[in-house]
Amino acid sequence: MSYTQTQLDKLGHLDIEVDPTLDLVAEITRLKKEKNAIILAHYYQESEIQDIADYIGDSLGLSQMAASTDADIIVFAGVHFMAETAKMLSPEKKVLLPDLKAGCSLADSCPPHLFRKFKERYPNHKVVSYINCTAELKTLTDVCCTSTNAVNIIESFPEDQGIIFAPDRNLGAYLIKKTGRDLVLWNGTCMVHEIFSNEKITKLQIRHPEAVLIAHPECEQHILDKAVYIGSTSGLLKFTKESEATEFIVATEAGIIHQMELASPEKTFFPAPPNNTCACNDCPHMKRNTMEKLYLCMKHELPEIILPEWVIEEGVASIDRMLEISAKAGL
């Protein structure tokens, strides 16, 4: 069965049954070599996908790799805005996403047409947007940032320069506290980092008094106030490697724990419990990607990320500027 791009846009991914006896790892490895493809995976992906990826990282590292790879095809095991970023940085390459419906609640919380009107209220302000936003929002942005380089990006502007920060209000509030700057915040949030339960984390700390709480800055302030360390996913991973502590409560998407356990097998990691009935805090969008979808995506070279030329031309400058500032800061 074949699909047009329009059909895939509705379907989200190739709806084809995969032979359960197929060795997916071997087949994906073969397709990578055959097609000169590279698989980029975010830390929040399923462990199987992380294990077969050529590069695993956070938003900054993935952006840097997307900009530098000489592969003909970039397969992005992540969410839609990440694949869009790769396409903007390498417009001549084919960029694939295993499931087009792998979106982002944070990106969705800031529709470009509404943000454009919001921006008009602050005509003298510059816009710094968290990279977790749509390609079109990047066209309204002066400089993008990630949680790794956000402080450096904010501090790259003169102190008297007004700044709008979008779309994450929690990361924005953290940046206000870290930099002392008076940022204008768009009221957006990430569904994953919004639902951690303070009560359940406290109970977990009582059961494991030696465990160190670490958190992503997208978390709400009451979680950050309790955290011993606050950082990006790569920052959290590095902290657990270098810390003398042997137990950690991890307040971010639980997929990062796979890399933490690989790096520090002698240590114990607990996913911070959310305020729902789930045992851990998974991003449903990140988890839409599966090994089967990854295989089909590479085999058929679909779904492909297609962006209008004007979006690439007007939006890529905000990403390039971010990468320049990060390079100067040694990030």
Protein backbone atom coordinates (compact mmCIF):
# COMPACT_ATOMS: atom_id res chain seq x y z
CA MET A 1 0.00 0.00 0.00
CA SER A 2 1.32 3.45 -0.89
CA TYR A 3 0.45 6.84 0.59
CA THR A 4 0.58 10.41 -0.60
CA GLN A 5 2.00 13.08 1.71
CA THR A 6 -1.54 14.48 2.11
CA GLN A 7 -2.81 11.09 3.26
CA LEU A 8 0.08 10.80 5.68
CA ASP A 9 -0.72 14.23 7.09
CA LYS A 10 -4.11 12.83 8.07
CA LEU A 11 -2.84 9.43 9.13
CA GLY A 12 0.28 10.57 10.97
CA HIS A 13 2.37 7.53 10.07
CA LEU A 14 2.52 4.57 7.73
CA ASP A 15 -0.34 2.27 8.73
CA ILE A 16 1.29 -0.99 7.69
CA GLU A 17 1.64 -4.13 9.78
CA VAL A 18 5.20 -5.19 10.42
CA ASP A 19 6.15 -8.85 10.45
CA PRO A 20 6.61 -9.62 14.18
CA THR A 21 9.51 -11.96 13.40
CA LEU A 22 11.46 -9.20 11.67
CA ASP A 23 14.71 -8.20 13.39
CA LEU A 24 13.99 -4.47 13.57
CA VAL A 25 17.40 -3.56 14.93
CA ALA A 26 19.14 -5.33 12.04
CA GLU A 27 16.76 -3.88 9.45
CA ILE A 28 17.06 -0.32 10.73
CA THR A 29 20.85 -0.66 10.86
CA ARG A 30 20.84 -1.89 7.26
CA LEU A 31 18.61 0.96 6.10
CA LYS A 32 20.85 3.54 7.79
CA LYS A 33 23.84 2.36 5.77
CA GLU A 34 21.90 1.84 2.55
CA LYS A 35 20.34 5.31 2.58
CA ASN A 36 23.16 7.26 4.29
CA ALA A 37 20.74 8.16 7.04
CA ILE A 38 21.31 9.32 10.59
CA ILE A 39 18.91 8.75 13.48
CA LEU A 40 18.69 11.55 16.02
CA ALA A 41 16.82 10.67 19.21
CA HIS A 42 15.75 12.75 22.16
CA TYR A 43 16.39 11.52 25.68
CA TYR A 44 12.64 11.08 26.15
CA GLN A 45 12.32 8.37 23.50
CA GLU A 46 11.74 4.70 24.30
CA SER A 47 14.93 2.95 25.39
CA GLU A 48 15.00 0.73 22.26
CA ILE A 49 15.04 3.78 20.01
CA GLN A 50 17.73 5.44 22.11
CA ASP A 51 19.88 2.33 21.83
CA ILE A 52 19.79 2.28 18.02
CA ALA A 53 20.15 6.04 17.50
CA ASP A 54 23.36 7.54 16.12
CA TYR A 55 23.04 10.50 18.45
CA ILE A 56 21.02 10.98 21.63
CA GLY A 57 20.65 14.37 23.22
CA ASP A 58 18.60 17.32 24.38
CA SER A 59 17.24 20.07 22.15
CA LEU A 60 20.54 21.97 21.92
CA GLY A 61 22.66 18.93 21.11
CA LEU A 62 20.12 17.68 18.58
CA SER A 63 20.04 21.08 16.87
CA GLN A 64 23.83 21.17 16.70
CA MET A 65 23.96 17.67 15.23
CA ALA A 66 21.22 18.45 12.70
CA ALA A 67 23.22 21.45 11.53
CA SER A 68 26.49 19.54 11.12
CA THR A 69 25.58 16.09 9.78
CA ASP A 70 26.61 15.07 6.25
CA ALA A 71 23.92 12.38 6.06
CA ASP A 72 21.46 12.54 3.17
CA ILE A 73 18.51 11.69 5.39
CA ILE A 74 17.83 12.84 8.96
CA VAL A 75 15.41 10.59 10.83
CA PHE A 76 14.22 12.45 13.88
CA ALA A 77 12.99 10.28 16.72
CA GLY A 78 11.41 13.04 18.73
CA VAL A 79 8.51 15.43 18.31
CA HIS A 80 7.39 17.61 15.42
CA PHE A 81 9.11 20.89 16.36
CA MET A 82 12.46 19.07 16.62
CA ALA A 83 12.15 17.66 13.11
CA GLU A 84 11.09 21.11 11.88
CA THR A 85 14.24 22.58 13.42
CA ALA A 86 16.36 19.99 11.63
CA LYS A 87 14.68 20.85 8.32
CA MET A 88 15.26 24.57 8.87
CA LEU A 89 18.95 23.96 9.54
CA SER A 90 19.37 21.49 6.65
CA PRO A 91 16.72 22.42 4.06
CA GLU A 92 18.50 20.45 1.34
CA LYS A 93 18.22 17.20 3.30
CA LYS A 94 15.27 14.88 3.63
CA VAL A 95 13.96 14.99 7.21
CA LEU A 96 11.69 12.20 8.41
CA LEU A 97 9.56 11.84 11.54
CA PRO A 98 8.22 8.35 12.39
CA ASP A 99 4.85 9.79 13.47
CA LEU A 100 3.66 13.22 12.32
CA LYS A 101 1.23 13.28 15.23
CA ALA A 102 4.12 13.33 17.70
CA GLY A 103 3.44 16.92 18.66
CA CYS A 104 4.17 19.01 21.74
CA SER A 105 1.70 20.46 24.23
CA LEU A 106 4.05 23.38 24.90
CA ALA A 107 4.42 24.26 21.21
CA ASP A 108 0.65 23.98 20.79
CA SER A 109 0.09 26.39 23.68
CA CYS A 110 1.47 29.30 21.62
CA PRO A 111 -0.39 29.68 18.30
CA PRO A 112 1.61 32.04 16.04
CA HIS A 113 -1.39 34.17 15.04
CA LEU A 114 -2.17 34.91 18.69
CA PHE A 115 1.46 35.48 19.59
CA ARG A 116 1.79 37.96 16.72
CA LYS A 117 -0.93 40.11 18.30
CA PHE A 118 0.68 39.72 21.73
CA LYS A 119 4.03 40.83 20.32
CA GLU A 120 2.47 43.98 18.85
CA ARG A 121 1.77 45.19 22.40
CA TYR A 122 5.54 45.39 23.05
CA PRO A 123 6.98 46.97 19.88
CA ASN A 124 10.40 47.70 21.39
CA HIS A 125 10.92 44.25 22.88
CA LYS A 126 13.04 41.46 21.46
CA VAL A 127 11.61 37.94 21.40
CA VAL A 128 13.41 34.94 22.87
CA SER A 129 11.53 31.71 22.22
CA TYR A 130 12.22 28.35 23.78
CA ILE A 131 13.06 26.01 20.91
CA ASN A 132 10.02 23.93 21.92
CA CYS A 133 7.83 25.97 19.57
CA THR A 134 6.53 25.72 16.03
CA ALA A 135 8.56 26.67 12.97
CA GLU A 136 6.19 29.55 12.31
CA LEU A 137 6.68 30.94 15.82
CA LYS A 138 10.42 30.96 15.12
CA THR A 139 9.72 33.44 12.30
CA LEU A 140 8.47 35.85 14.99
CA THR A 141 11.54 35.22 17.18
CA ASP A 142 14.84 37.08 17.43
CA VAL A 143 16.75 34.32 19.17
CA CYS A 144 15.77 30.78 20.14
CA CYS A 145 17.04 29.11 23.29
CA THR A 146 17.06 25.73 24.98
CA SER A 147 17.03 24.99 28.68
CA THR A 148 20.80 24.45 28.40
CA ASN A 149 21.62 27.89 27.00
CA ALA A 150 18.63 30.00 28.07
CA VAL A 151 20.52 32.02 30.69
CA ASN A 152 23.34 32.78 28.21
CA ILE A 153 20.81 33.85 25.56
CA ILE A 154 18.98 36.22 27.94
CA GLU A 155 22.23 37.70 29.21
CA SER A 156 23.45 38.30 25.64
CA PHE A 157 21.02 41.23 25.41
CA PRO A 158 21.76 44.63 27.00
CA GLU A 159 20.25 44.98 30.46
CA ASP A 160 17.90 47.75 29.33
CA GLN A 161 16.54 45.72 26.41
CA GLY A 162 12.95 44.58 26.95
CA ILE A 163 12.46 40.87 26.25
CA ILE A 164 9.39 38.75 25.57
CA PHE A 165 9.92 35.12 26.50
CA ALA A 166 7.76 32.43 24.95
CA PRO A 167 6.16 29.98 25.23
CA ASP A 168 7.00 28.38 28.62
CA ARG A 169 5.99 30.47 31.63
CA ASN A 170 7.74 28.12 34.08
CA LEU A 171 11.08 28.30 32.30
CA GLY A 172 10.52 32.06 31.94
CA ALA A 173 9.94 32.46 35.68
CA TYR A 174 13.10 30.45 36.35
CA LEU A 175 15.05 32.75 34.01
CA ILE A 176 13.72 35.85 35.75
CA LYS A 177 15.01 34.42 39.02
CA LYS A 178 18.38 33.39 37.54
CA THR A 179 19.13 36.55 35.55
CA GLY A 180 17.23 39.24 37.44
CA ARG A 181 15.72 40.41 34.15
CA ASP A 182 12.12 41.63 33.91
CA LEU A 183 10.82 39.33 31.16
CA VAL A 184 7.37 39.52 29.61
CA LEU A 185 6.07 35.94 29.66
CA TRP A 186 3.71 34.15 27.33
CA ASN A 187 1.38 31.91 29.34
CA GLY A 188 2.30 28.47 27.98
CA THR A 189 3.28 25.23 29.70
CA CYS A 190 4.40 21.64 29.08
CA MET A 191 1.82 19.05 30.13
CA VAL A 192 4.57 16.66 31.30
CA HIS A 193 6.26 19.11 33.65
CA GLU A 194 3.01 20.60 34.96
CA ILE A 195 1.59 17.53 36.66
CA PHE A 196 4.24 16.51 39.18
CA SER A 197 2.65 15.94 42.55
CA ASN A 198 4.30 17.80 45.43
CA GLU A 199 2.58 15.49 47.91
CA LYS A 200 3.71 12.29 46.17
CA ILE A 201 7.27 13.57 45.77
CA THR A 202 7.35 14.38 49.49
CA LYS A 203 6.16 10.86 50.34
CA LEU A 204 8.80 9.43 48.01
CA GLN A 205 11.45 11.53 49.76
CA ILE A 206 10.30 10.21 53.13
CA ARG A 207 10.61 6.61 51.87
CA HIS A 208 14.02 7.35 50.36
CA PRO A 209 15.62 10.00 52.60
CA GLU A 210 19.00 9.74 50.84
CA ALA A 211 17.52 10.41 47.40
CA VAL A 212 18.42 13.75 45.77
CA LEU A 213 15.63 15.59 43.93
CA ILE A 214 16.71 16.99 40.55
CA ALA A 215 14.39 18.88 38.21
CA HIS A 216 14.01 20.36 34.75
CA PRO A 217 13.35 24.15 34.74
CA GLU A 218 10.05 23.57 32.91
CA CYS A 219 8.69 22.31 36.24
CA GLU A 220 6.51 24.51 38.42
CA GLN A 221 8.17 26.69 41.04
CA HIS A 222 7.09 24.57 44.01
CA ILE A 223 9.04 21.64 42.52
CA LEU A 224 12.08 23.76 41.67
CA ASP A 225 12.11 25.11 45.23
CA LYS A 226 12.63 21.57 46.54
CA ALA A 227 15.24 20.54 43.96
CA VAL A 228 18.93 20.19 44.81
CA TYR A 229 19.83 20.67 41.16
CA ILE A 230 17.91 22.30 38.27
CA GLY A 231 19.01 21.78 34.68
CA SER A 232 18.34 20.62 31.14
CA THR A 233 18.05 16.94 30.36
CA SER A 234 21.75 16.80 29.47
CA GLY A 235 22.51 18.80 32.61
CA LEU A 236 20.52 16.38 34.77
CA LEU A 237 22.33 13.43 33.20
CA LYS A 238 25.73 15.00 33.81
CA PHE A 239 24.84 15.82 37.43
CA THR A 240 23.88 12.21 38.19
CA LYS A 241 27.17 11.00 36.69
CA GLU A 242 29.28 13.38 38.76
CA SER A 243 27.31 13.45 42.03
CA GLU A 244 28.41 11.36 44.98
CA ALA A 245 24.75 10.63 45.73
CA THR A 246 23.55 7.14 44.87
CA GLU A 247 19.78 7.75 44.73
CA PHE A 248 17.90 10.36 42.70
CA ILE A 249 14.31 11.48 42.23
CA VAL A 250 14.10 12.75 38.66
CA ALA A 251 11.51 15.44 37.92
CA THR A 252 11.34 15.38 34.14
CA GLU A 253 10.10 12.96 31.48
CA ALA A 254 11.05 9.44 32.56
CA GLY A 255 12.81 8.54 29.30
CA ILE A 256 16.03 10.20 30.50
CA ILE A 257 16.37 7.58 33.24
CA HIS A 258 17.48 5.00 30.65
CA GLN A 259 20.65 7.01 29.94
CA MET A 260 21.17 7.68 33.64
CA GLU A 261 21.06 3.97 34.39
CA LEU A 262 23.45 3.18 31.54
CA ALA A 263 25.91 5.84 32.74
CA SER A 264 25.62 4.98 36.46
CA PRO A 265 24.41 1.37 36.83
CA GLU A 266 25.35 1.35 40.51
CA LYS A 267 22.91 4.19 41.25
CA THR A 268 19.13 4.15 41.71
CA PHE A 269 16.71 6.49 39.93
CA PHE A 270 13.09 7.18 40.78
CA PRO A 271 10.80 9.00 38.32
CA ALA A 272 9.06 11.85 40.14
CA PRO A 273 5.41 10.82 40.46
CA PRO A 274 2.74 12.88 38.67
CA ASN A 275 -0.62 13.90 40.03
CA ASN A 276 -2.49 11.15 38.21
CA THR A 277 -2.83 7.37 38.26
CA CYS A 278 0.30 6.65 36.19
CA ALA A 279 3.39 5.20 37.82
CA CYS A 280 5.72 7.61 36.07
CA ASN A 281 5.72 10.75 33.99
CA ASP A 282 5.74 9.93 30.28
CA CYS A 283 5.18 12.30 27.37
CA PRO A 284 2.46 10.72 25.21
CA HIS A 285 3.75 12.61 22.18
CA MET A 286 7.33 11.37 22.52
CA LYS A 287 6.06 7.84 23.03
CA ARG A 288 4.10 7.85 19.75
CA ASN A 289 7.35 6.89 18.04
CA THR A 290 7.99 3.15 18.08
CA MET A 291 10.57 0.82 16.56
CA GLU A 292 7.98 -0.36 14.04
CA LYS A 293 7.20 3.21 12.94
CA LEU A 294 10.91 4.01 12.82
CA TYR A 295 11.53 1.04 10.52
CA LEU A 296 8.62 1.88 8.19
CA CYS A 297 9.61 5.53 8.14
CA MET A 298 13.12 4.65 6.97
CA LYS A 299 12.00 1.98 4.52
CA HIS A 300 9.47 4.20 2.72
CA GLU A 301 11.15 7.58 3.51
CA LEU A 302 7.86 8.87 4.85
CA PRO A 303 6.41 10.85 6.61
CA GLU A 304 8.64 13.71 5.46
CA ILE A 305 8.81 17.14 7.06
CA ILE A 306 7.91 19.78 4.47
CA LEU A 307 8.11 23.48 5.34
CA PRO A 308 7.26 26.54 3.22
CA GLU A 309 10.38 28.32 1.98
CA TRP A 310 9.37 31.56 3.69
CA VAL A 311 9.19 29.80 7.07
CA ILE A 312 12.68 28.40 6.64
CA GLU A 313 14.11 31.71 5.41
CA GLU A 314 12.52 33.83 8.14
CA GLY A 315 12.83 31.35 11.00
CA VAL A 316 16.30 29.89 10.63
CA ALA A 317 18.04 33.12 11.70
CA SER A 318 16.71 32.72 15.25
CA ILE A 319 18.22 29.22 15.46
CA ASP A 320 21.52 30.27 13.86
CA ARG A 321 21.83 33.10 16.37
CA MET A 322 21.23 30.66 19.23
CA LEU A 323 23.94 28.33 17.94
CA GLU A 324 26.38 31.25 17.58
CA ILE A 325 25.82 32.41 21.18
CA SER A 326 26.08 28.82 22.44
CA ALA A 327 29.37 28.28 20.62
CA LYS A 328 30.83 31.47 22.11
CA ALA A 329 29.72 30.32 25.58
CA GLY A 330 31.33 26.92 25.03
CA LEU A 331 28.03 25.06 25.22
